Amino acid sequence: MNPITSFLVFVLILSGIAAGRWVNPYMALALFVAAAIVSMSLKMANTWQKFVILRMGKLQSVKGAGMFLIIPIIDNVIAVIDERIQTTGFNAEQALTRDTVPVNVDAIIFWHVHDAEKAALAITNYPAAIDQVAQTSLREMIGSSMLAALLSDRKDADEQLKNEIGAKTAPWGITVGSVEIRDVALPVALQDAMSRQAQAEREKQARVILGSAEAAIAGKFVEAADIYEGHPAALQLRAMNIIYETTKERGATILIPSSMVDSLNPSVTSLALSLATKELPDPKDVTHTVQPQNNPRQK
């Protein structure tokens, strides 16, 4: 009973009590009967509700939002339909895919009633029927799909389920908004096998990339060798640069054989040696000055 009807019934009952005590018992009885009639005849539907009313066993009307009256005993409200969007979770356990792999699939469906008359008269319990239809459609979809497609193409599977369930529930006045697969659980052994396969595929790709890089580097080395063969001075400069970079980064001293230095650039080596020879003083021109030492015995 809605709040307005409850208030009116309460007022009529209080009035009947007061009339029976101070006015007339028959008036009190009339007020009590009026309260009973109001409680059975005055109805109120919310915005999202539809009242399906039968009169003498036949469909009389479907009432929407607002207040309305029915004839007690003759009229009967057989269903109050909620037209808001509702959700129903469903699953399929140990369902076999097309390639005979057992999977557990969990999904959810969003639906609403678009025709209250059909929902009330065409089927006994439409929420339970939707659940059963959804489970059956899910198992049919799994049985007709390969495991790889089921794992990779979730959107296609969702759309297929939506169309199948919607086609079955449309005669009941039900509209399926969407279907979403939430989880696809695989056997543990299959998960390990797929994990090893994915790891092997990644290692394969890494080796292919490494081989491509090695081939590219080898090609560059061949080009550099051709350039150095035509320009020996460039090779000498490159060798000197490598030696410089090595000593610069590590701060170490590298001993290089004189033959290697001569092979790098004989002309430069000869020039450096001649300059070093000129800068060294002549041993004959060097005079040694002997400092007298104090004899500890002399005073």
C-alpha atoms as a PDB file:
ATOM      1  CA  MET A   1       0.000   0.000   0.000  1.00  0.00           C
ATOM      2  CA  ASN A   2       1.354   3.396  -1.032  1.00  0.00           C
ATOM      3  CA  PRO A   3       1.797   6.311   1.423  1.00  0.00           C
ATOM      4  CA  ILE A   4      -1.218   8.281   0.147  1.00  0.00           C
ATOM      5  CA  THR A   5      -3.562   5.306   0.438  1.00  0.00           C
ATOM      6  CA  SER A   6      -2.178   4.509   3.878  1.00  0.00           C
ATOM      7  CA  PHE A   7      -2.816   8.074   5.030  1.00  0.00           C
ATOM      8  CA  LEU A   8      -6.415   8.078   3.747  1.00  0.00           C
ATOM      9  CA  VAL A   9      -7.136   4.716   5.346  1.00  0.00           C
ATOM     10  CA  PHE A  10      -5.679   5.932   8.637  1.00  0.00           C
ATOM     11  CA  VAL A  11      -7.839   9.075   8.570  1.00  0.00           C
ATOM     12  CA  LEU A  12     -10.991   7.064   7.795  1.00  0.00           C
ATOM     13  CA  ILE A  13     -10.294   4.611  10.593  1.00  0.00           C
ATOM     14  CA  LEU A  14      -9.752   7.405  13.127  1.00  0.00           C
ATOM     15  CA  SER A  15     -12.919   9.099  11.910  1.00  0.00           C
ATOM     16  CA  GLY A  16     -14.835   5.848  12.293  1.00  0.00           C
ATOM     17  CA  ILE A  17     -13.553   5.388  15.827  1.00  0.00           C
ATOM     18  CA  ALA A  18     -14.520   8.932  16.743  1.00  0.00           C
ATOM     19  CA  ALA A  19     -17.946   8.602  15.081  1.00  0.00           C
ATOM     20  CA  GLY A  20     -18.650   5.341  16.845  1.00  0.00           C
ATOM     21  CA  ARG A  21     -17.844   6.847  20.209  1.00  0.00           C
ATOM     22  CA  TRP A  22     -19.486  10.260  19.976  1.00  0.00           C
ATOM     23  CA  VAL A  23     -21.842  10.303  16.967  1.00  0.00           C
ATOM     24  CA  ASN A  24     -23.359   7.124  15.533  1.00  0.00           C
ATOM     25  CA  PRO A  25     -22.160   3.518  15.392  1.00  0.00           C
ATOM     26  CA  TYR A  26     -23.590   3.088  11.882  1.00  0.00           C
ATOM     27  CA  MET A  27     -21.511   6.009  10.646  1.00  0.00           C
ATOM     28  CA  ALA A  28     -18.464   4.385  12.158  1.00  0.00           C
ATOM     29  CA  LEU A  29     -19.240   1.156  10.298  1.00  0.00           C
ATOM     30  CA  ALA A  30     -19.624   3.075   7.034  1.00  0.00           C
ATOM     31  CA  LEU A  31     -16.273   4.762   7.586  1.00  0.00           C
ATOM     32  CA  PHE A  32     -14.598   1.421   8.244  1.00  0.00           C
ATOM     33  CA  VAL A  33     -16.056  -0.002   5.028  1.00  0.00           C
ATOM     34  CA  ALA A  34     -14.880   3.086   3.139  1.00  0.00           C
ATOM     35  CA  ALA A  35     -11.381   2.610   4.556  1.00  0.00           C
ATOM     36  CA  ALA A  36     -11.352  -0.994   3.333  1.00  0.00           C
ATOM     37  CA  ILE A  37     -12.560   0.010  -0.129  1.00  0.00           C
ATOM     38  CA  VAL A  38      -9.969   2.781  -0.403  1.00  0.00           C
ATOM     39  CA  SER A  39      -7.167   0.425   0.629  1.00  0.00           C
ATOM     40  CA  MET A  40      -8.154  -2.053  -2.110  1.00  0.00           C
ATOM     41  CA  SER A  41      -9.053   0.362  -4.902  1.00  0.00           C
ATOM     42  CA  LEU A  42      -6.626   3.296  -4.719  1.00  0.00           C
ATOM     43  CA  LYS A  43      -3.269   2.399  -6.267  1.00  0.00           C
ATOM     44  CA  MET A  44      -0.165   4.388  -7.161  1.00  0.00           C
ATOM     45  CA  ALA A  45       2.520   3.440  -9.678  1.00  0.00           C
ATOM     46  CA  ASN A  46       6.028   4.866  -9.711  1.00  0.00           C
ATOM     47  CA  THR A  47       7.677   6.168 -12.857  1.00  0.00           C
ATOM     48  CA  TRP A  48       9.480   2.884 -13.552  1.00  0.00           C
ATOM     49  CA  GLN A  49       6.488   0.644 -12.780  1.00  0.00           C
ATOM     50  CA  LYS A  50       3.626  -0.771 -14.839  1.00  0.00           C
ATOM     51  CA  PHE A  51       0.544  -2.371 -13.242  1.00  0.00           C
ATOM     52  CA  VAL A  52      -1.101  -5.120 -15.302  1.00  0.00           C
ATOM     53  CA  ILE A  53      -4.822  -5.326 -14.398  1.00  0.00           C
ATOM     54  CA  LEU A  54      -7.275  -8.105 -15.226  1.00  0.00           C
ATOM     55  CA  ARG A  55     -11.044  -7.650 -14.982  1.00  0.00           C
ATOM     56  CA  MET A  56     -13.019 -10.845 -14.633  1.00  0.00           C
ATOM     57  CA  GLY A  57     -10.040 -12.813 -15.956  1.00  0.00           C
ATOM     58  CA  LYS A  58      -9.492 -10.630 -19.044  1.00  0.00           C
ATOM     59  CA  LEU A  59      -6.875  -7.979 -19.615  1.00  0.00           C
ATOM     60  CA  GLN A  60      -8.409  -4.671 -18.628  1.00  0.00           C
ATOM     61  CA  SER A  61      -5.482  -2.239 -18.820  1.00  0.00           C
ATOM     62  CA  VAL A  62      -1.835  -1.554 -18.077  1.00  0.00           C
ATOM     63  CA  LYS A  63      -1.446   1.445 -15.782  1.00  0.00           C
ATOM     64  CA  GLY A  64       1.632   3.623 -15.681  1.00  0.00           C
ATOM     65  CA  ALA A  65       2.978   6.250 -13.291  1.00  0.00           C
ATOM     66  CA  GLY A  66       0.460   8.067 -11.084  1.00  0.00           C
ATOM     67  CA  MET A  67      -2.687   7.369  -9.041  1.00  0.00           C
ATOM     68  CA  PHE A  68      -5.497   5.204 -10.386  1.00  0.00           C
ATOM     69  CA  LEU A  69      -8.536   3.307  -9.150  1.00  0.00           C
ATOM     70  CA  ILE A  70      -9.564  -0.292  -9.610  1.00  0.00           C
ATOM     71  CA  ILE A  71     -12.799  -2.025  -8.738  1.00  0.00           C
ATOM     72  CA  PRO A  72     -12.245  -4.256  -5.717  1.00  0.00           C
ATOM     73  CA  ILE A  73     -12.875  -7.970  -6.205  1.00  0.00           C
ATOM     74  CA  ILE A  74     -13.683  -7.495  -9.922  1.00  0.00           C
ATOM     75  CA  ASP A  75     -10.298  -6.057 -10.887  1.00  0.00           C
ATOM     76  CA  ASN A  76      -7.085  -7.823 -10.024  1.00  0.00           C
ATOM     77  CA  VAL A  77      -3.484  -6.564 -10.283  1.00  0.00           C
ATOM     78  CA  ILE A  78      -1.645  -9.673 -11.452  1.00  0.00           C
ATOM     79  CA  ALA A  79       1.818  -8.143 -11.929  1.00  0.00           C
ATOM     80  CA  VAL A  80       3.839  -5.048 -11.139  1.00  0.00           C
ATOM     81  CA  ILE A  81       6.535  -4.803 -13.795  1.00  0.00           C
ATOM     82  CA  ASP A  82       9.808  -2.958 -13.154  1.00  0.00           C
ATOM     83  CA  GLU A  83      10.970  -1.372 -16.421  1.00  0.00           C
ATOM     84  CA  ARG A  84      14.389  -0.292 -15.179  1.00  0.00           C
ATOM     85  CA  ILE A  85      17.570  -1.869 -16.553  1.00  0.00           C
ATOM     86  CA  GLN A  86      18.442  -5.010 -14.632  1.00  0.00           C
ATOM     87  CA  THR A  87      21.484  -7.268 -14.574  1.00  0.00           C
ATOM     88  CA  THR A  88      21.701 -11.035 -14.402  1.00  0.00           C
ATOM     89  CA  GLY A  89      24.926 -12.944 -13.906  1.00  0.00           C
ATOM     90  CA  PHE A  90      25.296 -16.387 -15.461  1.00  0.00           C
ATOM     91  CA  ASN A  91      28.080 -18.868 -16.146  1.00  0.00           C
ATOM     92  CA  ALA A  92      28.963 -22.117 -17.871  1.00  0.00           C
ATOM     93  CA  GLU A  93      31.238 -24.609 -16.115  1.00  0.00           C
ATOM     94  CA  GLN A  94      33.344 -27.210 -17.900  1.00  0.00           C
ATOM     95  CA  ALA A  95      31.868 -26.281 -21.274  1.00  0.00           C
ATOM     96  CA  LEU A  96      33.748 -27.745 -24.239  1.00  0.00           C
ATOM     97  CA  THR A  97      34.916 -25.471 -27.023  1.00  0.00           C
ATOM     98  CA  ARG A  98      34.947 -26.500 -30.667  1.00  0.00           C
ATOM     99  CA  ASP A  99      38.505 -27.826 -30.244  1.00  0.00           C
ATOM    100  CA  THR A 100      37.410 -29.838 -27.140  1.00  0.00           C
ATOM    101  CA  VAL A 101      38.979 -27.673 -24.446  1.00  0.00           C
ATOM    102  CA  PRO A 102      37.010 -27.427 -21.170  1.00  0.00           C
ATOM    103  CA  VAL A 103      36.555 -23.833 -19.990  1.00  0.00           C
ATOM    104  CA  ASN A 104      34.628 -21.999 -17.291  1.00  0.00           C
ATOM    105  CA  VAL A 105      33.025 -18.806 -18.599  1.00  0.00           C
ATOM    106  CA  ASP A 106      31.439 -16.107 -16.449  1.00  0.00           C
ATOM    107  CA  ALA A 107      29.239 -13.426 -18.056  1.00  0.00           C
ATOM    108  CA  ILE A 108      26.639 -10.780 -17.249  1.00  0.00           C
ATOM    109  CA  ILE A 109      23.589  -9.581 -19.188  1.00  0.00           C
ATOM    110  CA  PHE A 110      21.905  -6.158 -19.096  1.00  0.00           C
ATOM    111  CA  TRP A 111      18.198  -6.216 -19.949  1.00  0.00           C
ATOM    112  CA  HIS A 112      14.911  -4.386 -19.369  1.00  0.00           C
ATOM    113  CA  VAL A 113      11.197  -4.910 -19.991  1.00  0.00           C
ATOM    114  CA  HIS A 114       9.853  -2.900 -22.918  1.00  0.00           C
ATOM    115  CA  ASP A 115       6.374  -4.485 -23.015  1.00  0.00           C
ATOM    116  CA  ALA A 116       4.825  -5.041 -19.582  1.00  0.00           C
ATOM    117  CA  GLU A 117       1.787  -6.814 -21.031  1.00  0.00           C
ATOM    118  CA  LYS A 118       3.866  -9.534 -22.709  1.00  0.00           C
ATOM    119  CA  ALA A 119       6.155  -9.904 -19.694  1.00  0.00           C
ATOM    120  CA  ALA A 120       3.131 -10.506 -17.447  1.00  0.00           C
ATOM    121  CA  LEU A 121       1.032 -12.683 -19.747  1.00  0.00           C
ATOM    122  CA  ALA A 122       3.440 -14.495 -22.088  1.00  0.00           C
ATOM    123  CA  ILE A 123       5.655 -16.142 -19.455  1.00  0.00           C
ATOM    124  CA  THR A 124       5.350 -17.124 -15.823  1.00  0.00           C
ATOM    125  CA  ASN A 125       8.686 -15.965 -14.384  1.00  0.00           C
ATOM    126  CA  TYR A 126      10.664 -13.934 -16.893  1.00  0.00           C
ATOM    127  CA  PRO A 127      13.779 -13.255 -14.696  1.00  0.00           C
ATOM    128  CA  ALA A 128      14.341 -16.998 -14.206  1.00  0.00           C
ATOM    129  CA  ALA A 129      13.642 -17.647 -17.892  1.00  0.00           C
ATOM    130  CA  ILE A 130      16.217 -15.044 -18.920  1.00  0.00           C
ATOM    131  CA  ASP A 131      18.812 -16.740 -16.705  1.00  0.00           C
ATOM    132  CA  GLN A 132      18.130 -20.149 -18.248  1.00  0.00           C
ATOM    133  CA  VAL A 133      18.157 -18.821 -21.805  1.00  0.00           C
ATOM    134  CA  ALA A 134      21.418 -16.968 -21.167  1.00  0.00           C
ATOM    135  CA  GLN A 135      23.147 -20.091 -19.843  1.00  0.00           C
ATOM    136  CA  THR A 136      21.941 -22.187 -22.773  1.00  0.00           C
ATOM    137  CA  SER A 137      23.040 -19.587 -25.326  1.00  0.00           C
ATOM    138  CA  LEU A 138      26.434 -19.283 -23.638  1.00  0.00           C
ATOM    139  CA  ARG A 139      27.053 -23.032 -23.866  1.00  0.00           C
ATOM    140  CA  GLU A 140      25.985 -23.056 -27.522  1.00  0.00           C
ATOM    141  CA  MET A 141      28.338 -20.193 -28.303  1.00  0.00           C
ATOM    142  CA  ILE A 142      31.255 -21.891 -26.517  1.00  0.00           C
ATOM    143  CA  GLY A 143      30.620 -25.165 -28.360  1.00  0.00           C
ATOM    144  CA  SER A 144      30.726 -23.425 -31.745  1.00  0.00           C
ATOM    145  CA  SER A 145      33.851 -21.323 -31.033  1.00  0.00           C
ATOM    146  CA  MET A 146      37.543 -22.150 -31.056  1.00  0.00           C
ATOM    147  CA  LEU A 147      39.468 -21.442 -27.870  1.00  0.00           C
ATOM    148  CA  ALA A 148      41.758 -18.908 -29.562  1.00  0.00           C
ATOM    149  CA  ALA A 149      38.781 -16.967 -30.943  1.00  0.00           C
ATOM    150  CA  LEU A 150      37.037 -17.062 -27.570  1.00  0.00           C
ATOM    151  CA  LEU A 151      40.093 -15.600 -25.843  1.00  0.00           C
ATOM    152  CA  SER A 152      40.993 -12.979 -28.436  1.00  0.00           C
ATOM    153  CA  ASP A 153      37.619 -11.847 -29.838  1.00  0.00           C
ATOM    154  CA  ARG A 154      35.605 -11.035 -26.721  1.00  0.00           C
ATOM    155  CA  LYS A 155      33.588  -8.326 -28.462  1.00  0.00           C
ATOM    156  CA  ASP A 156      32.447 -10.680 -31.214  1.00  0.00           C
ATOM    157  CA  ALA A 157      31.414 -13.257 -28.623  1.00  0.00           C
ATOM    158  CA  ASP A 158      29.518 -10.595 -26.656  1.00  0.00           C
ATOM    159  CA  GLU A 159      27.667  -9.464 -29.777  1.00  0.00           C
ATOM    160  CA  GLN A 160      26.805 -13.039 -30.730  1.00  0.00           C
ATOM    161  CA  LEU A 161      25.390 -13.737 -27.264  1.00  0.00           C
ATOM    162  CA  LYS A 162      23.409 -10.507 -27.305  1.00  0.00           C
ATOM    163  CA  ASN A 163      21.768 -11.360 -30.625  1.00  0.00           C
ATOM    164  CA  GLU A 164      20.945 -14.940 -29.642  1.00  0.00           C
ATOM    165  CA  ILE A 165      19.500 -14.079 -26.219  1.00  0.00           C
ATOM    166  CA  GLY A 166      17.649 -11.051 -27.604  1.00  0.00           C
ATOM    167  CA  ALA A 167      15.987 -13.142 -30.307  1.00  0.00           C
ATOM    168  CA  LYS A 168      14.739 -15.650 -27.720  1.00  0.00           C
ATOM    169  CA  THR A 169      13.478 -13.082 -25.179  1.00  0.00           C
ATOM    170  CA  ALA A 170      11.871 -10.584 -27.583  1.00  0.00           C
ATOM    171  CA  PRO A 171       8.486 -12.434 -27.602  1.00  0.00           C
ATOM    172  CA  TRP A 172       8.352 -11.936 -23.827  1.00  0.00           C
ATOM    173  CA  GLY A 173       8.668  -8.154 -24.086  1.00  0.00           C
ATOM    174  CA  ILE A 174      12.338  -8.204 -23.007  1.00  0.00           C
ATOM    175  CA  THR A 175      15.081  -6.115 -24.630  1.00  0.00           C
ATOM    176  CA  VAL A 176      18.697  -7.200 -24.177  1.00  0.00           C
ATOM    177  CA  GLY A 177      20.946  -4.155 -23.917  1.00  0.00           C
ATOM    178  CA  SER A 178      24.326  -5.868 -23.847  1.00  0.00           C
ATOM    179  CA  VAL A 179      26.148  -9.019 -22.799  1.00  0.00           C
ATOM    180  CA  GLU A 180      29.681  -8.973 -21.393  1.00  0.00           C
ATOM    181  CA  ILE A 181      31.952 -11.957 -20.806  1.00  0.00           C
ATOM    182  CA  ARG A 182      33.780 -11.233 -17.571  1.00  0.00           C
ATOM    183  CA  ASP A 183      36.163 -14.177 -17.329  1.00  0.00           C
ATOM    184  CA  VAL A 184      37.308 -17.252 -19.240  1.00  0.00           C
ATOM    185  CA  ALA A 185      39.010 -19.721 -16.883  1.00  0.00           C
ATOM    186  CA  LEU A 186      41.267 -22.380 -18.403  1.00  0.00           C
ATOM    187  CA  PRO A 187      42.599 -25.608 -16.838  1.00  0.00           C
ATOM    188  CA  VAL A 188      45.892 -25.191 -14.974  1.00  0.00           C
ATOM    189  CA  ALA A 189      47.781 -27.560 -17.287  1.00  0.00           C
ATOM    190  CA  LEU A 190      46.587 -25.654 -20.341  1.00  0.00           C
ATOM    191  CA  GLN A 191      47.572 -22.341 -18.763  1.00  0.00           C
ATOM    192  CA  ASP A 192      51.125 -23.646 -18.201  1.00  0.00           C
ATOM    193  CA  ALA A 193      51.349 -24.909 -21.781  1.00  0.00           C
ATOM    194  CA  MET A 194      50.126 -21.595 -23.196  1.00  0.00           C
ATOM    195  CA  SER A 195      52.563 -19.710 -20.973  1.00  0.00           C
ATOM    196  CA  ARG A 196      55.490 -21.793 -22.234  1.00  0.00           C
ATOM    197  CA  GLN A 197      54.331 -21.328 -25.818  1.00  0.00           C
ATOM    198  CA  ALA A 198      54.133 -17.556 -25.393  1.00  0.00           C
ATOM    199  CA  GLN A 199      57.573 -17.482 -23.768  1.00  0.00           C
ATOM    200  CA  ALA A 200      59.062 -19.536 -26.605  1.00  0.00           C
ATOM    201  CA  GLU A 201      57.478 -17.204 -29.151  1.00  0.00           C
ATOM    202  CA  ARG A 202      58.982 -14.170 -27.421  1.00  0.00           C
ATOM    203  CA  GLU A 203      62.421 -15.802 -27.323  1.00  0.00           C
ATOM    204  CA  LYS A 204      62.101 -16.605 -31.022  1.00  0.00           C
ATOM    205  CA  GLN A 205      61.273 -12.997 -31.848  1.00  0.00           C
ATOM    206  CA  ALA A 206      64.164 -11.774 -29.700  1.00  0.00           C
ATOM    207  CA  ARG A 207      66.614 -14.052 -31.512  1.00  0.00           C
ATOM    208  CA  VAL A 208      65.304 -12.977 -34.903  1.00  0.00           C
ATOM    209  CA  ILE A 209      65.756  -9.325 -33.944  1.00  0.00           C
ATOM    210  CA  LEU A 210      69.262 -10.028 -32.603  1.00  0.00           C
ATOM    211  CA  GLY A 211      70.205 -11.869 -35.810  1.00  0.00           C
ATOM    212  CA  SER A 212      68.925  -8.975 -37.924  1.00  0.00           C
ATOM    213  CA  ALA A 213      70.980  -6.555 -35.857  1.00  0.00           C
ATOM    214  CA  GLU A 214      74.099  -8.724 -36.236  1.00  0.00           C
ATOM    215  CA  ALA A 215      73.580  -8.885 -40.005  1.00  0.00           C
ATOM    216  CA  ALA A 216      73.207  -5.103 -40.191  1.00  0.00           C
ATOM    217  CA  ILE A 217      76.336  -4.583 -38.091  1.00  0.00           C
ATOM    218  CA  ALA A 218      78.300  -7.026 -40.250  1.00  0.00           C
ATOM    219  CA  GLY A 219      77.220  -5.124 -43.352  1.00  0.00           C
ATOM    220  CA  LYS A 220      78.425  -1.866 -41.845  1.00  0.00           C
ATOM    221  CA  PHE A 221      81.752  -3.495 -40.982  1.00  0.00           C
ATOM    222  CA  VAL A 222      82.120  -4.628 -44.589  1.00  0.00           C
ATOM    223  CA  GLU A 223      81.461  -1.078 -45.807  1.00  0.00           C
ATOM    224  CA  ALA A 224      83.977   0.301 -43.306  1.00  0.00           C
ATOM    225  CA  ALA A 225      86.594  -2.255 -44.406  1.00  0.00           C
ATOM    226  CA  ASP A 226      86.142  -1.205 -48.034  1.00  0.00           C
ATOM    227  CA  ILE A 227      86.603   2.454 -47.064  1.00  0.00           C
ATOM    228  CA  TYR A 228      89.684   1.742 -44.928  1.00  0.00           C
ATOM    229  CA  GLU A 229      91.177  -0.334 -47.744  1.00  0.00           C
ATOM    230  CA  GLY A 230      91.028   2.635 -50.078  1.00  0.00           C
ATOM    231  CA  HIS A 231      92.140   5.139 -47.425  1.00  0.00           C
ATOM    232  CA  PRO A 232      94.885   3.753 -45.151  1.00  0.00           C
ATOM    233  CA  ALA A 233      95.206   7.083 -43.349  1.00  0.00           C
ATOM    234  CA  ALA A 234      91.617   6.775 -42.140  1.00  0.00           C
ATOM    235  CA  LEU A 235      92.404   3.351 -40.652  1.00  0.00           C
ATOM    236  CA  GLN A 236      95.431   4.781 -38.855  1.00  0.00           C
ATOM    237  CA  LEU A 237      93.391   7.646 -37.431  1.00  0.00           C
ATOM    238  CA  ARG A 238      90.714   5.202 -36.329  1.00  0.00           C
ATOM    239  CA  ALA A 239      93.265   3.034 -34.541  1.00  0.00           C
ATOM    240  CA  MET A 240      94.742   6.049 -32.773  1.00  0.00           C
ATOM    241  CA  ASN A 241      91.265   7.204 -31.764  1.00  0.00           C
ATOM    242  CA  ILE A 242      90.455   3.769 -30.293  1.00  0.00           C
ATOM    243  CA  ILE A 243      93.627   3.876 -28.216  1.00  0.00           C
ATOM    244  CA  TYR A 244      92.809   7.386 -27.021  1.00  0.00           C
ATOM    245  CA  GLU A 245      89.242   6.520 -26.066  1.00  0.00           C
ATOM    246  CA  THR A 246      90.389   3.425 -24.194  1.00  0.00           C
ATOM    247  CA  THR A 247      92.893   5.316 -22.064  1.00  0.00           C
ATOM    248  CA  LYS A 248      90.462   8.200 -21.546  1.00  0.00           C
ATOM    249  CA  GLU A 249      87.596   6.131 -20.187  1.00  0.00           C
ATOM    250  CA  ARG A 250      89.531   3.679 -18.040  1.00  0.00           C
ATOM    251  CA  GLY A 251      92.403   5.895 -17.042  1.00  0.00           C
ATOM    252  CA  ALA A 252      94.894   3.089 -17.718  1.00  0.00           C
ATOM    253  CA  THR A 253      98.327   3.023 -19.284  1.00  0.00           C
ATOM    254  CA  ILE A 254      98.639   0.956 -22.432  1.00  0.00           C
ATOM    255  CA  LEU A 255     102.013  -0.308 -23.609  1.00  0.00           C
ATOM    256  CA  ILE A 256     102.220  -0.270 -27.394  1.00  0.00           C
ATOM    257  CA  PRO A 257     105.087  -1.972 -29.236  1.00  0.00           C
ATOM    258  CA  SER A 258     107.217   0.393 -31.300  1.00  0.00           C
ATOM    259  CA  SER A 259     106.560  -1.721 -34.369  1.00  0.00           C
ATOM    260  CA  MET A 260     102.835  -1.046 -33.972  1.00  0.00           C
ATOM    261  CA  VAL A 261     103.462   2.683 -33.615  1.00  0.00           C
ATOM    262  CA  ASP A 262     105.599   2.655 -36.765  1.00  0.00           C
ATOM    263  CA  SER A 263     102.898   0.811 -38.643  1.00  0.00           C
ATOM    264  CA  LEU A 264     100.303   3.379 -37.633  1.00  0.00           C
ATOM    265  CA  ASN A 265     102.119   6.309 -39.233  1.00  0.00           C
ATOM    266  CA  PRO A 266     105.843   6.008 -40.025  1.00  0.00           C
ATOM    267  CA  SER A 267     106.251   9.627 -41.051  1.00  0.00           C
ATOM    268  CA  VAL A 268     104.678  10.960 -37.891  1.00  0.00           C
ATOM    269  CA  THR A 269     106.717   8.574 -35.782  1.00  0.00           C
ATOM    270  CA  SER A 270     109.970   9.661 -37.436  1.00  0.00           C
ATOM    271  CA  LEU A 271     109.082  13.298 -36.944  1.00  0.00           C
ATOM    272  CA  ALA A 272     108.301  12.742 -33.267  1.00  0.00           C
ATOM    273  CA  LEU A 273     111.589  10.888 -32.723  1.00  0.00           C
ATOM    274  CA  SER A 274     113.626  13.617 -34.445  1.00  0.00           C
ATOM    275  CA  LEU A 275     112.000  16.304 -32.332  1.00  0.00           C
ATOM    276  CA  ALA A 276     112.655  14.316 -29.194  1.00  0.00           C
ATOM    277  CA  THR A 277     116.338  13.904 -30.191  1.00  0.00           C
ATOM    278  CA  LYS A 278     116.767  17.637 -30.738  1.00  0.00           C
ATOM    279  CA  GLU A 279     115.264  18.513 -27.409  1.00  0.00           C
ATOM    280  CA  LEU A 280     117.564  16.163 -25.436  1.00  0.00           C
ATOM    281  CA  PRO A 281     120.743  18.006 -24.157  1.00  0.00           C
ATOM    282  CA  ASP A 282     124.225  16.925 -25.228  1.00  0.00           C
ATOM    283  CA  PRO A 283     125.905  14.896 -22.470  1.00  0.00           C
ATOM    284  CA  LYS A 284     129.175  16.783 -23.068  1.00  0.00           C
ATOM    285  CA  ASP A 285     127.565  20.120 -22.325  1.00  0.00           C
ATOM    286  CA  VAL A 286     126.257  18.965 -18.978  1.00  0.00           C
ATOM    287  CA  THR A 287     128.414  20.056 -16.038  1.00  0.00           C
ATOM    288  CA  HIS A 288     128.150  18.410 -12.708  1.00  0.00           C
ATOM    289  CA  THR A 289     128.583  20.517  -9.619  1.00  0.00           C
ATOM    290  CA  VAL A 290     129.686  18.628  -6.577  1.00  0.00           C
ATOM    291  CA  GLN A 291     128.460  20.052  -3.338  1.00  0.00           C
ATOM    292  CA  PRO A 292     130.962  19.793  -0.506  1.00  0.00           C
ATOM    293  CA  GLN A 293     129.847  17.575   2.300  1.00  0.00           C
ATOM    294  CA  ASN A 294     130.497  18.392   5.907  1.00  0.00           C
ATOM    295  CA  ASN A 295     132.770  15.954   7.656  1.00  0.00           C
ATOM    296  CA  PRO A 296     131.242  15.050  10.922  1.00  0.00           C
ATOM    297  CA  ARG A 297     134.707  14.688  12.420  1.00  0.00           C
ATOM    298  CA  GLN A 298     135.592  18.315  11.602  1.00  0.00           C
ATOM    299  CA  LYS A 299     134.544  20.875  14.066  1.00  0.00           C
END
